[in-house]
Amino acid sequence: MDRHARQARLAGIGPAGQARIAHARVDVRLDGLAADVAARYLAGAGVACVRVRAPALADGARAIDASVRVEVDAGLEQAEGAAAAGELDLRDPAALDVARGALAALRALRASLGEGS
């Protein structure tokens, strides 16, 4: 069974959407835990290529799916704090980083499906 078959059965994605995700190239413009979460989510979703700012982040994404191409670009521009965090109001810094990473990944997936953020 295809690793992403269950995801492709979702009404909002479908086979065509999963194909678009499989061809997507996403830049993760975050650092730290937020970037790690985003890169792992994107790899798990099956994007074709994830570009990150640090080599350690590449290892985490590759651990999720070795078939995903992960590129490291230290010069990748970092996202602005408020834009990267969205409208989240979490008090624990680690929880905020996890939420920021997940939000960034989900926004990138929606963009690859042709939906707004």
PDB file of N, CA and C in Angstrom:
ATOM      1  N   MET A   1       0.849  -1.190   0.000  1.00  0.00           N
ATOM      2  CA  MET A   1       0.000   0.000   0.000  1.00  0.00           C
ATOM      3  C   MET A   1       0.890   1.248   0.000  1.00  0.00           C
ATOM      4  N   ASP A   2       0.502   2.216  -0.770  1.00  0.00           N
ATOM      5  CA  ASP A   2       1.213   3.482  -0.849  1.00  0.00           C
ATOM      6  C   ASP A   2       1.225   4.159   0.513  1.00  0.00           C
ATOM      7  N   ARG A   3       2.378   4.692   0.884  1.00  0.00           N
ATOM      8  CA  ARG A   3       2.536   5.345   2.190  1.00  0.00           C
ATOM      9  C   ARG A   3       1.534   6.481   2.395  1.00  0.00           C
ATOM     10  N   HIS A   4       1.133   7.152   1.355  1.00  0.00           N
ATOM     11  CA  HIS A   4       0.251   8.308   1.459  1.00  0.00           C
ATOM     12  C   HIS A   4      -1.177   8.014   1.007  1.00  0.00           C
ATOM     13  N   ALA A   5      -1.540   6.753   0.883  1.00  0.00           N
ATOM     14  CA  ALA A   5      -2.868   6.383   0.385  1.00  0.00           C
ATOM     15  C   ALA A   5      -3.973   6.908   1.284  1.00  0.00           C
ATOM     16  N   ARG A   6      -3.792   6.828   2.588  1.00  0.00           N
ATOM     17  CA  ARG A   6      -4.830   7.304   3.505  1.00  0.00           C
ATOM     18  C   ARG A   6      -5.010   8.821   3.374  1.00  0.00           C
ATOM     19  N   GLN A   7      -3.910   9.519   3.282  1.00  0.00           N
ATOM     20  CA  GLN A   7      -3.950  10.976   3.121  1.00  0.00           C
ATOM     21  C   GLN A   7      -4.631  11.350   1.807  1.00  0.00           C
ATOM     22  N   ALA A   8      -4.355  10.593   0.757  1.00  0.00           N
ATOM     23  CA  ALA A   8      -4.934  10.881  -0.559  1.00  0.00           C
ATOM     24  C   ALA A   8      -6.437  10.628  -0.591  1.00  0.00           C
ATOM     25  N   ARG A   9      -6.950   9.852   0.360  1.00  0.00           N
ATOM     26  CA  ARG A   9      -8.395   9.588   0.413  1.00  0.00           C
ATOM     27  C   ARG A   9      -9.169  10.725   1.075  1.00  0.00           C
ATOM     28  N   LEU A  10      -8.468  11.673   1.703  1.00  0.00           N
ATOM     29  CA  LEU A  10      -9.160  12.799   2.335  1.00  0.00           C
ATOM     30  C   LEU A  10      -9.814  13.659   1.260  1.00  0.00           C
ATOM     31  N   ALA A  11     -11.018  14.111   1.556  1.00  0.00           N
ATOM     32  CA  ALA A  11     -11.784  14.879   0.573  1.00  0.00           C
ATOM     33  C   ALA A  11     -11.043  16.136   0.122  1.00  0.00           C
ATOM     34  N   GLY A  12     -10.332  16.780   1.011  1.00  0.00           N
ATOM     35  CA  GLY A  12      -9.640  18.008   0.659  1.00  0.00           C
ATOM     36  C   GLY A  12      -8.351  17.803  -0.102  1.00  0.00           C
ATOM     37  N   ILE A  13      -7.916  16.557  -0.223  1.00  0.00           N
ATOM     38  CA  ILE A  13      -6.647  16.282  -0.904  1.00  0.00           C
ATOM     39  C   ILE A  13      -6.888  15.456  -2.157  1.00  0.00           C
ATOM     40  N   GLY A  14      -7.314  14.228  -1.993  1.00  0.00           N
ATOM     41  CA  GLY A  14      -7.562  13.355  -3.135  1.00  0.00           C
ATOM     42  C   GLY A  14      -6.275  12.997  -3.867  1.00  0.00           C
ATOM     43  N   PRO A  15      -6.367  12.127  -4.854  1.00  0.00           N
ATOM     44  CA  PRO A  15      -5.182  11.718  -5.600  1.00  0.00           C
ATOM     45  C   PRO A  15      -4.490  12.880  -6.319  1.00  0.00           C
ATOM     46  N   ALA A  16      -5.271  13.799  -6.858  1.00  0.00           N
ATOM     47  CA  ALA A  16      -4.661  14.936  -7.562  1.00  0.00           C
ATOM     48  C   ALA A  16      -3.910  15.840  -6.592  1.00  0.00           C
ATOM     49  N   GLY A  17      -4.489  16.064  -5.424  1.00  0.00           N
ATOM     50  CA  GLY A  17      -3.816  16.883  -4.416  1.00  0.00           C
ATOM     51  C   GLY A  17      -2.550  16.233  -3.912  1.00  0.00           C
ATOM     52  N   GLN A  18      -2.598  14.920  -3.701  1.00  0.00           N
ATOM     53  CA  GLN A  18      -1.401  14.222  -3.249  1.00  0.00           C
ATOM     54  C   GLN A  18      -0.316  14.289  -4.318  1.00  0.00           C
ATOM     55  N   ALA A  19      -0.707  14.255  -5.573  1.00  0.00           N
ATOM     56  CA  ALA A  19       0.274  14.391  -6.655  1.00  0.00           C
ATOM     57  C   ALA A  19       0.923  15.772  -6.617  1.00  0.00           C
ATOM     58  N   ARG A  20       0.123  16.824  -6.337  1.00  0.00           N
ATOM     59  CA  ARG A  20       0.697  18.169  -6.227  1.00  0.00           C
ATOM     60  C   ARG A  20       1.648  18.265  -5.041  1.00  0.00           C
ATOM     61  N   ILE A  21       1.275  17.658  -3.909  1.00  0.00           N
ATOM     62  CA  ILE A  21       2.160  17.633  -2.743  1.00  0.00           C
ATOM     63  C   ILE A  21       3.456  16.910  -3.105  1.00  0.00           C
ATOM     64  N   ALA A  22       3.341  15.804  -3.821  1.00  0.00           N
ATOM     65  CA  ALA A  22       4.510  15.002  -4.182  1.00  0.00           C
ATOM     66  C   ALA A  22       5.468  15.743  -5.113  1.00  0.00           C
ATOM     67  N   HIS A  23       5.001  16.812  -5.741  1.00  0.00           N
ATOM     68  CA  HIS A  23       5.866  17.604  -6.617  1.00  0.00           C
ATOM     69  C   HIS A  23       6.268  18.941  -5.990  1.00  0.00           C
ATOM     70  N   ALA A  24       5.804  19.188  -4.768  1.00  0.00           N
ATOM     71  CA  ALA A  24       6.059  20.483  -4.121  1.00  0.00           C
ATOM     72  C   ALA A  24       7.497  20.594  -3.617  1.00  0.00           C
ATOM     73  N   ARG A  25       8.001  21.809  -3.667  1.00  0.00           N
ATOM     74  CA  ARG A  25       9.304  22.152  -3.096  1.00  0.00           C
ATOM     75  C   ARG A  25       9.026  23.235  -2.066  1.00  0.00           C
ATOM     76  N   VAL A  26       9.406  22.991  -0.815  1.00  0.00           N
ATOM     77  CA  VAL A  26       9.056  23.901   0.272  1.00  0.00           C
ATOM     78  C   VAL A  26      10.310  24.377   0.997  1.00  0.00           C
ATOM     79  N   ASP A  27      10.398  25.693   1.185  1.00  0.00           N
ATOM     80  CA  ASP A  27      11.472  26.287   1.973  1.00  0.00           C
ATOM     81  C   ASP A  27      10.987  26.443   3.409  1.00  0.00           C
ATOM     82  N   VAL A  28      11.723  25.878   4.358  1.00  0.00           N
ATOM     83  CA  VAL A  28      11.404  26.031   5.773  1.00  0.00           C
ATOM     84  C   VAL A  28      12.248  27.191   6.288  1.00  0.00           C
ATOM     85  N   ARG A  29      11.597  28.318   6.509  1.00  0.00           N
ATOM     86  CA  ARG A  29      12.290  29.549   6.887  1.00  0.00           C
ATOM     87  C   ARG A  29      12.264  29.778   8.395  1.00  0.00           C
ATOM     88  N   LEU A  30      12.335  28.706   9.152  1.00  0.00           N
ATOM     89  CA  LEU A  30      12.324  28.766  10.607  1.00  0.00           C
ATOM     90  C   LEU A  30      13.630  28.190  11.130  1.00  0.00           C
ATOM     91  N   ASP A  31      13.861  28.341  12.424  1.00  0.00           N
ATOM     92  CA  ASP A  31      15.020  27.746  13.077  1.00  0.00           C
ATOM     93  C   ASP A  31      14.565  26.914  14.265  1.00  0.00           C
ATOM     94  N   GLY A  32      15.477  26.134  14.796  1.00  0.00           N
ATOM     95  CA  GLY A  32      15.226  25.406  16.038  1.00  0.00           C
ATOM     96  C   GLY A  32      14.146  24.360  15.925  1.00  0.00           C
ATOM     97  N   LEU A  33      13.434  24.174  17.037  1.00  0.00           N
ATOM     98  CA  LEU A  33      12.399  23.156  17.117  1.00  0.00           C
ATOM     99  C   LEU A  33      11.283  23.385  16.105  1.00  0.00           C
ATOM    100  N   ALA A  34      10.910  24.638  15.885  1.00  0.00           N
ATOM    101  CA  ALA A  34       9.853  24.938  14.914  1.00  0.00           C
ATOM    102  C   ALA A  34      10.240  24.436  13.524  1.00  0.00           C
ATOM    103  N   ALA A  35      11.487  24.667  13.141  1.00  0.00           N
ATOM    104  CA  ALA A  35      11.955  24.211  11.829  1.00  0.00           C
ATOM    105  C   ALA A  35      11.995  22.690  11.768  1.00  0.00           C
ATOM    106  N   ASP A  36      12.407  22.061  12.850  1.00  0.00           N
ATOM    107  CA  ASP A  36      12.472  20.603  12.891  1.00  0.00           C
ATOM    108  C   ASP A  36      11.077  20.005  12.710  1.00  0.00           C
ATOM    109  N   VAL A  37      10.103  20.544  13.425  1.00  0.00           N
ATOM    110  CA  VAL A  37       8.727  20.049  13.311  1.00  0.00           C
ATOM    111  C   VAL A  37       8.208  20.254  11.884  1.00  0.00           C
ATOM    112  N   ALA A  38       8.406  21.447  11.333  1.00  0.00           N
ATOM    113  CA  ALA A  38       7.924  21.727   9.978  1.00  0.00           C
ATOM    114  C   ALA A  38       8.551  20.779   8.962  1.00  0.00           C
ATOM    115  N   ALA A  39       9.865  20.596   9.041  1.00  0.00           N
ATOM    116  CA  ALA A  39      10.559  19.728   8.082  1.00  0.00           C
ATOM    117  C   ALA A  39      10.076  18.285   8.193  1.00  0.00           C
ATOM    118  N   ARG A  40       9.879  17.813   9.418  1.00  0.00           N
ATOM    119  CA  ARG A  40       9.389  16.439   9.616  1.00  0.00           C
ATOM    120  C   ARG A  40       7.960  16.271   9.104  1.00  0.00           C
ATOM    121  N   TYR A  41       7.080  17.229   9.372  1.00  0.00           N
ATOM    122  CA  TYR A  41       5.701  17.156   8.881  1.00  0.00           C
ATOM    123  C   TYR A  41       5.676  17.135   7.355  1.00  0.00           C
ATOM    124  N   LEU A  42       6.467  17.997   6.746  1.00  0.00           N
ATOM    125  CA  LEU A  42       6.485  18.068   5.294  1.00  0.00           C
ATOM    126  C   LEU A  42       7.021  16.774   4.682  1.00  0.00           C
ATOM    127  N   ALA A  43       8.072  16.229   5.281  1.00  0.00           N
ATOM    128  CA  ALA A  43       8.605  14.946   4.793  1.00  0.00           C
ATOM    129  C   ALA A  43       7.560  13.849   4.949  1.00  0.00           C
ATOM    130  N   GLY A  44       6.866  13.841   6.082  1.00  0.00           N
ATOM    131  CA  GLY A  44       5.832  12.840   6.313  1.00  0.00           C
ATOM    132  C   GLY A  44       4.670  12.957   5.347  1.00  0.00           C
ATOM    133  N   ALA A  45       4.383  14.178   4.909  1.00  0.00           N
ATOM    134  CA  ALA A  45       3.291  14.394   3.964  1.00  0.00           C
ATOM    135  C   ALA A  45       3.674  13.976   2.550  1.00  0.00           C
ATOM    136  N   GLY A  46       4.994  13.854   2.305  1.00  0.00           N
ATOM    137  CA  GLY A  46       5.447  13.377   1.004  1.00  0.00           C
ATOM    138  C   GLY A  46       5.844  14.445   0.007  1.00  0.00           C
ATOM    139  N   VAL A  47       6.214  15.645   0.481  1.00  0.00           N
ATOM    140  CA  VAL A  47       6.665  16.663  -0.469  1.00  0.00           C
ATOM    141  C   VAL A  47       7.926  16.174  -1.177  1.00  0.00           C
ATOM    142  N   ALA A  48       8.153  16.677  -2.363  1.00  0.00           N
ATOM    143  CA  ALA A  48       9.305  16.237  -3.150  1.00  0.00           C
ATOM    144  C   ALA A  48      10.618  16.742  -2.563  1.00  0.00           C
ATOM    145  N   CYS A  49      10.629  17.996  -2.102  1.00  0.00           N
ATOM    146  CA  CYS A  49      11.874  18.593  -1.626  1.00  0.00           C
ATOM    147  C   CYS A  49      11.590  19.559  -0.480  1.00  0.00           C
ATOM    148  N   VAL A  50      12.370  19.423   0.573  1.00  0.00           N
ATOM    149  CA  VAL A  50      12.310  20.332   1.711  1.00  0.00           C
ATOM    150  C   VAL A  50      13.660  21.032   1.792  1.00  0.00           C
ATOM    151  N   ARG A  51      13.647  22.358   1.824  1.00  0.00           N
ATOM    152  CA  ARG A  51      14.902  23.110   1.949  1.00  0.00           C
ATOM    153  C   ARG A  51      14.931  23.733   3.334  1.00  0.00           C
ATOM    154  N   VAL A  52      16.002  23.466   4.085  1.00  0.00           N
ATOM    155  CA  VAL A  52      16.140  23.936   5.459  1.00  0.00           C
ATOM    156  C   VAL A  52      17.405  24.765   5.606  1.00  0.00           C
ATOM    157  N   ARG A  53      17.524  25.456   6.763  1.00  0.00           N
ATOM    158  CA  ARG A  53      18.642  26.349   7.002  1.00  0.00           C
ATOM    159  C   ARG A  53      19.839  25.672   7.668  1.00  0.00           C
ATOM    160  N   ALA A  54      19.666  24.505   8.290  1.00  0.00           N
ATOM    161  CA  ALA A  54      20.757  23.875   9.046  1.00  0.00           C
ATOM    162  C   ALA A  54      20.826  22.375   8.764  1.00  0.00           C
ATOM    163  N   PRO A  55      22.049  21.819   8.695  1.00  0.00           N
ATOM    164  CA  PRO A  55      22.203  20.382   8.424  1.00  0.00           C
ATOM    165  C   PRO A  55      21.472  19.485   9.414  1.00  0.00           C
ATOM    166  N   ALA A  56      21.421  19.857  10.688  1.00  0.00           N
ATOM    167  CA  ALA A  56      20.746  19.016  11.686  1.00  0.00           C
ATOM    168  C   ALA A  56      19.264  18.866  11.366  1.00  0.00           C
ATOM    169  N   LEU A  57      18.669  19.882  10.779  1.00  0.00           N
ATOM    170  CA  LEU A  57      17.257  19.812  10.410  1.00  0.00           C
ATOM    171  C   LEU A  57      17.038  18.826   9.264  1.00  0.00           C
ATOM    172  N   ALA A  58      17.999  18.729   8.392  1.00  0.00           N
ATOM    173  CA  ALA A  58      17.897  17.807   7.264  1.00  0.00           C
ATOM    174  C   ALA A  58      17.845  16.364   7.759  1.00  0.00           C
ATOM    175  N   ASP A  59      18.623  16.061   8.788  1.00  0.00           N
ATOM    176  CA  ASP A  59      18.648  14.697   9.321  1.00  0.00           C
ATOM    177  C   ASP A  59      17.281  14.271   9.842  1.00  0.00           C
ATOM    178  N   GLY A  60      16.588  15.167  10.533  1.00  0.00           N
ATOM    179  CA  GLY A  60      15.266  14.848  11.062  1.00  0.00           C
ATOM    180  C   GLY A  60      14.264  14.562   9.964  1.00  0.00           C
ATOM    181  N   ALA A  61      14.282  15.357   8.909  1.00  0.00           N
ATOM    182  CA  ALA A  61      13.355  15.140   7.799  1.00  0.00           C
ATOM    183  C   ALA A  61      13.676  13.839   7.081  1.00  0.00           C
ATOM    184  N   ARG A  62      14.958  13.567   6.875  1.00  0.00           N
ATOM    185  CA  ARG A  62      15.353  12.317   6.202  1.00  0.00           C
ATOM    186  C   ARG A  62      14.961  11.095   7.025  1.00  0.00           C
ATOM    187  N   ALA A  63      14.951  11.235   8.350  1.00  0.00           N
ATOM    188  CA  ALA A  63      14.578  10.112   9.212  1.00  0.00           C
ATOM    189  C   ALA A  63      13.109   9.739   9.035  1.00  0.00           C
ATOM    190  N   ILE A  64      12.286  10.703   8.671  1.00  0.00           N
ATOM    191  CA  ILE A  64      10.861  10.441   8.456  1.00  0.00           C
ATOM    192  C   ILE A  64      10.633   9.738   7.131  1.00  0.00           C
ATOM    193  N   ASP A  65      11.268  10.215   6.081  1.00  0.00           N
ATOM    194  CA  ASP A  65      11.096   9.616   4.753  1.00  0.00           C
ATOM    195  C   ASP A  65      12.366   9.843   3.947  1.00  0.00           C
ATOM    196  N   ALA A  66      13.132   8.797   3.778  1.00  0.00           N
ATOM    197  CA  ALA A  66      14.418   8.899   3.088  1.00  0.00           C
ATOM    198  C   ALA A  66      14.261   9.236   1.604  1.00  0.00           C
ATOM    199  N   SER A  67      13.058   9.076   1.053  1.00  0.00           N
ATOM    200  CA  SER A  67      12.868   9.368  -0.365  1.00  0.00           C
ATOM    201  C   SER A  67      12.667  10.864  -0.626  1.00  0.00           C
ATOM    202  N   VAL A  68      12.418  11.643   0.421  1.00  0.00           N
ATOM    203  CA  VAL A  68      12.242  13.089   0.261  1.00  0.00           C
ATOM    204  C   VAL A  68      13.606  13.738   0.109  1.00  0.00           C
ATOM    205  N   ARG A  69      13.747  14.569  -0.917  1.00  0.00           N
ATOM    206  CA  ARG A  69      15.011  15.291  -1.100  1.00  0.00           C
ATOM    207  C   ARG A  69      15.044  16.439  -0.094  1.00  0.00           C
ATOM    208  N   VAL A  70      16.129  16.501   0.686  1.00  0.00           N
ATOM    209  CA  VAL A  70      16.289  17.564   1.669  1.00  0.00           C
ATOM    210  C   VAL A  70      17.550  18.333   1.320  1.00  0.00           C
ATOM    211  N   GLU A  71      17.400  19.638   1.129  1.00  0.00           N
ATOM    212  CA  GLU A  71      18.532  20.493   0.795  1.00  0.00           C
ATOM    213  C   GLU A  71      18.801  21.438   1.963  1.00  0.00           C
ATOM    214  N   VAL A  72      20.080  21.753   2.170  1.00  0.00           N
ATOM    215  CA  VAL A  72      20.468  22.691   3.218  1.00  0.00           C
ATOM    216  C   VAL A  72      20.977  23.964   2.550  1.00  0.00           C
ATOM    217  N   ASP A  73      20.409  25.085   2.951  1.00  0.00           N
ATOM    218  CA  ASP A  73      20.821  26.389   2.439  1.00  0.00           C
ATOM    219  C   ASP A  73      20.908  27.343   3.617  1.00  0.00           C
ATOM    220  N   ALA A  74      22.119  27.514   4.163  1.00  0.00           N
ATOM    221  CA  ALA A  74      22.313  28.377   5.325  1.00  0.00           C
ATOM    222  C   ALA A  74      21.913  29.814   5.038  1.00  0.00           C
ATOM    223  N   GLY A  75      21.874  30.204   3.775  1.00  0.00           N
ATOM    224  CA  GLY A  75      21.504  31.554   3.406  1.00  0.00           C
ATOM    225  C   GLY A  75      20.007  31.755   3.241  1.00  0.00           C
ATOM    226  N   LEU A  76      19.227  30.707   3.473  1.00  0.00           N
ATOM    227  CA  LEU A  76      17.780  30.802   3.344  1.00  0.00           C
ATOM    228  C   LEU A  76      17.264  31.856   4.317  1.00  0.00           C
ATOM    229  N   GLU A  77      16.549  32.811   3.797  1.00  0.00           N
ATOM    230  CA  GLU A  77      16.053  33.920   4.607  1.00  0.00           C
ATOM    231  C   GLU A  77      15.100  33.413   5.690  1.00  0.00           C
ATOM    232  N   GLN A  78      15.287  33.906   6.910  1.00  0.00           N
ATOM    233  CA  GLN A  78      14.436  33.481   8.024  1.00  0.00           C
ATOM    234  C   GLN A  78      13.106  34.219   8.000  1.00  0.00           C
ATOM    235  N   ALA A  79      12.059  33.526   8.403  1.00  0.00           N
ATOM    236  CA  ALA A  79      10.735  34.136   8.470  1.00  0.00           C
ATOM    237  C   ALA A  79      10.687  35.150   9.596  1.00  0.00           C
ATOM    238  N   GLU A  80       9.880  36.153   9.415  1.00  0.00           N
ATOM    239  CA  GLU A  80       9.661  37.131  10.479  1.00  0.00           C
ATOM    240  C   GLU A  80       8.931  36.451  11.625  1.00  0.00           C
ATOM    241  N   GLY A  81       9.267  36.797  12.843  1.00  0.00           N
ATOM    242  CA  GLY A  81       8.684  36.162  14.026  1.00  0.00           C
ATOM    243  C   GLY A  81       7.171  36.149  14.056  1.00  0.00           C
ATOM    244  N   ALA A  82       6.536  37.288  13.870  1.00  0.00           N
ATOM    245  CA  ALA A  82       5.080  37.360  13.953  1.00  0.00           C
ATOM    246  C   ALA A  82       4.423  36.582  12.813  1.00  0.00           C
ATOM    247  N   ALA A  83       4.985  36.695  11.621  1.00  0.00           N
ATOM    248  CA  ALA A  83       4.401  35.986  10.481  1.00  0.00           C
ATOM    249  C   ALA A  83       4.561  34.483  10.647  1.00  0.00           C
ATOM    250  N   ALA A  84       5.691  34.046  11.178  1.00  0.00           N
ATOM    251  CA  ALA A  84       5.923  32.618  11.353  1.00  0.00           C
ATOM    252  C   ALA A  84       5.041  32.047  12.449  1.00  0.00           C
ATOM    253  N   ALA A  85       4.768  32.835  13.475  1.00  0.00           N
ATOM    254  CA  ALA A  85       3.976  32.348  14.598  1.00  0.00           C
ATOM    255  C   ALA A  85       2.482  32.392  14.310  1.00  0.00           C
ATOM    256  N   GLY A  86       2.060  33.149  13.328  1.00  0.00           N
ATOM    257  CA  GLY A  86       0.640  33.267  13.053  1.00  0.00           C
ATOM    258  C   GLY A  86      -0.065  33.942  14.210  1.00  0.00           C
ATOM    259  N   GLU A  87      -1.226  33.471  14.541  1.00  0.00           N
ATOM    260  CA  GLU A  87      -2.014  34.061  15.622  1.00  0.00           C
ATOM    261  C   GLU A  87      -1.943  33.218  16.888  1.00  0.00           C
ATOM    262  N   LEU A  88      -0.884  32.456  17.068  1.00  0.00           N
ATOM    263  CA  LEU A  88      -0.775  31.561  18.212  1.00  0.00           C
ATOM    264  C   LEU A  88      -0.437  32.331  19.479  1.00  0.00           C
ATOM    265  N   ASP A  89      -1.059  31.953  20.584  1.00  0.00           N
ATOM    266  CA  ASP A  89      -0.755  32.548  21.874  1.00  0.00           C
ATOM    267  C   ASP A  89      -0.494  31.416  22.862  1.00  0.00           C
ATOM    268  N   LEU A  90       0.702  30.882  22.813  1.00  0.00           N
ATOM    269  CA  LEU A  90       1.087  29.802  23.716  1.00  0.00           C
ATOM    270  C   LEU A  90       2.150  30.325  24.668  1.00  0.00           C
ATOM    271  N   ARG A  91       2.068  29.935  25.913  1.00  0.00           N
ATOM    272  CA  ARG A  91       2.975  30.454  26.928  1.00  0.00           C
ATOM    273  C   ARG A  91       4.300  29.689  26.991  1.00  0.00           C
ATOM    274  N   ASP A  92       4.270  28.386  26.772  1.00  0.00           N
ATOM    275  CA  ASP A  92       5.480  27.567  26.844  1.00  0.00           C
ATOM    276  C   ASP A  92       6.264  27.726  25.547  1.00  0.00           C
ATOM    277  N   PRO A  93       7.534  28.160  25.613  1.00  0.00           N
ATOM    278  CA  PRO A  93       8.312  28.376  24.383  1.00  0.00           C
ATOM    279  C   PRO A  93       8.438  27.124  23.514  1.00  0.00           C
ATOM    280  N   ALA A  94       8.584  25.950  24.129  1.00  0.00           N
ATOM    281  CA  ALA A  94       8.698  24.718  23.332  1.00  0.00           C
ATOM    282  C   ALA A  94       7.381  24.417  22.623  1.00  0.00           C
ATOM    283  N   ALA A  95       6.265  24.601  23.323  1.00  0.00           N
ATOM    284  CA  ALA A  95       4.961  24.361  22.703  1.00  0.00           C
ATOM    285  C   ALA A  95       4.737  25.342  21.557  1.00  0.00           C
ATOM    286  N   LEU A  96       5.159  26.576  21.740  1.00  0.00           N
ATOM    287  CA  LEU A  96       5.029  27.578  20.686  1.00  0.00           C
ATOM    288  C   LEU A  96       5.862  27.179  19.475  1.00  0.00           C
ATOM    289  N   ASP A  97       7.078  26.691  19.691  1.00  0.00           N
ATOM    290  CA  ASP A  97       7.920  26.269  18.577  1.00  0.00           C
ATOM    291  C   ASP A  97       7.301  25.106  17.812  1.00  0.00           C
ATOM    292  N   VAL A  98       6.755  24.125  18.546  1.00  0.00           N
ATOM    293  CA  VAL A  98       6.105  22.984  17.883  1.00  0.00           C
ATOM    294  C   VAL A  98       4.913  23.476  17.066  1.00  0.00           C
ATOM    295  N   ALA A  99       4.113  24.341  17.661  1.00  0.00           N
ATOM    296  CA  ALA A  99       2.942  24.860  16.951  1.00  0.00           C
ATOM    297  C   ALA A  99       3.351  25.690  15.736  1.00  0.00           C
ATOM    298  N   ARG A 100       4.391  26.505  15.865  1.00  0.00           N
ATOM    299  CA  ARG A 100       4.868  27.306  14.733  1.00  0.00           C
ATOM    300  C   ARG A 100       5.329  26.405  13.596  1.00  0.00           C
ATOM    301  N   GLY A 101       6.060  25.345  13.932  1.00  0.00           N
ATOM    302  CA  GLY A 101       6.533  24.427  12.900  1.00  0.00           C
ATOM    303  C   GLY A 101       5.389  23.710  12.208  1.00  0.00           C
ATOM    304  N   ALA A 102       4.423  23.246  13.000  1.00  0.00           N
ATOM    305  CA  ALA A 102       3.269  22.562  12.425  1.00  0.00           C
ATOM    306  C   ALA A 102       2.468  23.503  11.545  1.00  0.00           C
ATOM    307  N   LEU A 103       2.273  24.723  12.011  1.00  0.00           N
ATOM    308  CA  LEU A 103       1.524  25.711  11.232  1.00  0.00           C
ATOM    309  C   LEU A 103       2.228  26.028   9.917  1.00  0.00           C
ATOM    310  N   ALA A 104       3.537  26.191   9.968  1.00  0.00           N
ATOM    311  CA  ALA A 104       4.290  26.475   8.744  1.00  0.00           C
ATOM    312  C   ALA A 104       4.172  25.317   7.754  1.00  0.00           C
ATOM    313  N   ALA A 105       4.246  24.086   8.250  1.00  0.00           N
ATOM    314  CA  ALA A 105       4.124  22.920   7.374  1.00  0.00           C
ATOM    315  C   ALA A 105       2.736  22.844   6.755  1.00  0.00           C
ATOM    316  N   LEU A 106       1.715  23.045   7.561  1.00  0.00           N
ATOM    317  CA  LEU A 106       0.352  22.972   7.043  1.00  0.00           C
ATOM    318  C   LEU A 106       0.070  24.072   6.028  1.00  0.00           C
ATOM    319  N   ARG A 107       0.586  25.264   6.271  1.00  0.00           N
ATOM    320  CA  ARG A 107       0.410  26.344   5.294  1.00  0.00           C
ATOM    321  C   ARG A 107       1.086  25.995   3.973  1.00  0.00           C
ATOM    322  N   ALA A 108       2.268  25.408   4.048  1.00  0.00           N
ATOM    323  CA  ALA A 108       2.982  25.025   2.825  1.00  0.00           C
ATOM    324  C   ALA A 108       2.222  23.937   2.070  1.00  0.00           C
ATOM    325  N   LEU A 109       1.659  22.984   2.798  1.00  0.00           N
ATOM    326  CA  LEU A 109       0.885  21.926   2.147  1.00  0.00           C
ATOM    327  C   LEU A 109      -0.365  22.501   1.491  1.00  0.00           C
ATOM    328  N   ARG A 110      -1.049  23.405   2.175  1.00  0.00           N
ATOM    329  CA  ARG A 110      -2.235  24.023   1.584  1.00  0.00           C
ATOM    330  C   ARG A 110      -1.859  24.811   0.331  1.00  0.00           C
ATOM    331  N   ALA A 111      -0.742  25.489   0.375  1.00  0.00           N
ATOM    332  CA  ALA A 111      -0.288  26.246  -0.804  1.00  0.00           C
ATOM    333  C   ALA A 111      -0.009  25.309  -1.962  1.00  0.00           C
ATOM    334  N   SER A 112       0.582  24.143  -1.674  1.00  0.00           N
ATOM    335  CA  SER A 112       0.882  23.196  -2.753  1.00  0.00           C
ATOM    336  C   SER A 112      -0.394  22.602  -3.341  1.00  0.00           C
ATOM    337  N   LEU A 113      -1.467  22.630  -2.567  1.00  0.00           N
ATOM    338  CA  LEU A 113      -2.766  22.150  -3.055  1.00  0.00           C
ATOM    339  C   LEU A 113      -3.546  23.241  -3.778  1.00  0.00           C
ATOM    340  N   GLY A 114      -2.965  24.441  -3.813  1.00  0.00           N
ATOM    341  CA  GLY A 114      -3.622  25.539  -4.506  1.00  0.00           C
ATOM    342  C   GLY A 114      -4.630  26.263  -3.646  1.00  0.00           C
ATOM    343  N   GLU A 115      -4.583  26.032  -2.329  1.00  0.00           N
ATOM    344  CA  GLU A 115      -5.487  26.717  -1.396  1.00  0.00           C
ATOM    345  C   GLU A 115      -4.718  27.856  -0.756  1.00  0.00           C
ATOM    346  N   GLY A 116      -5.407  28.819  -0.222  1.00  0.00           N
ATOM    347  CA  GLY A 116      -4.757  29.912   0.499  1.00  0.00           C
ATOM    348  C   GLY A 116      -4.240  29.429   1.827  1.00  0.00           C
ATOM    349  N   SER A 117      -3.571  30.304   2.573  1.00  0.00           N
ATOM    350  CA  SER A 117      -3.087  29.917   3.896  1.00  0.00           C
ATOM    351  C   SER A 117      -4.097  30.278   4.912  1.00  0.00           C
TER     352      SER A 117
END
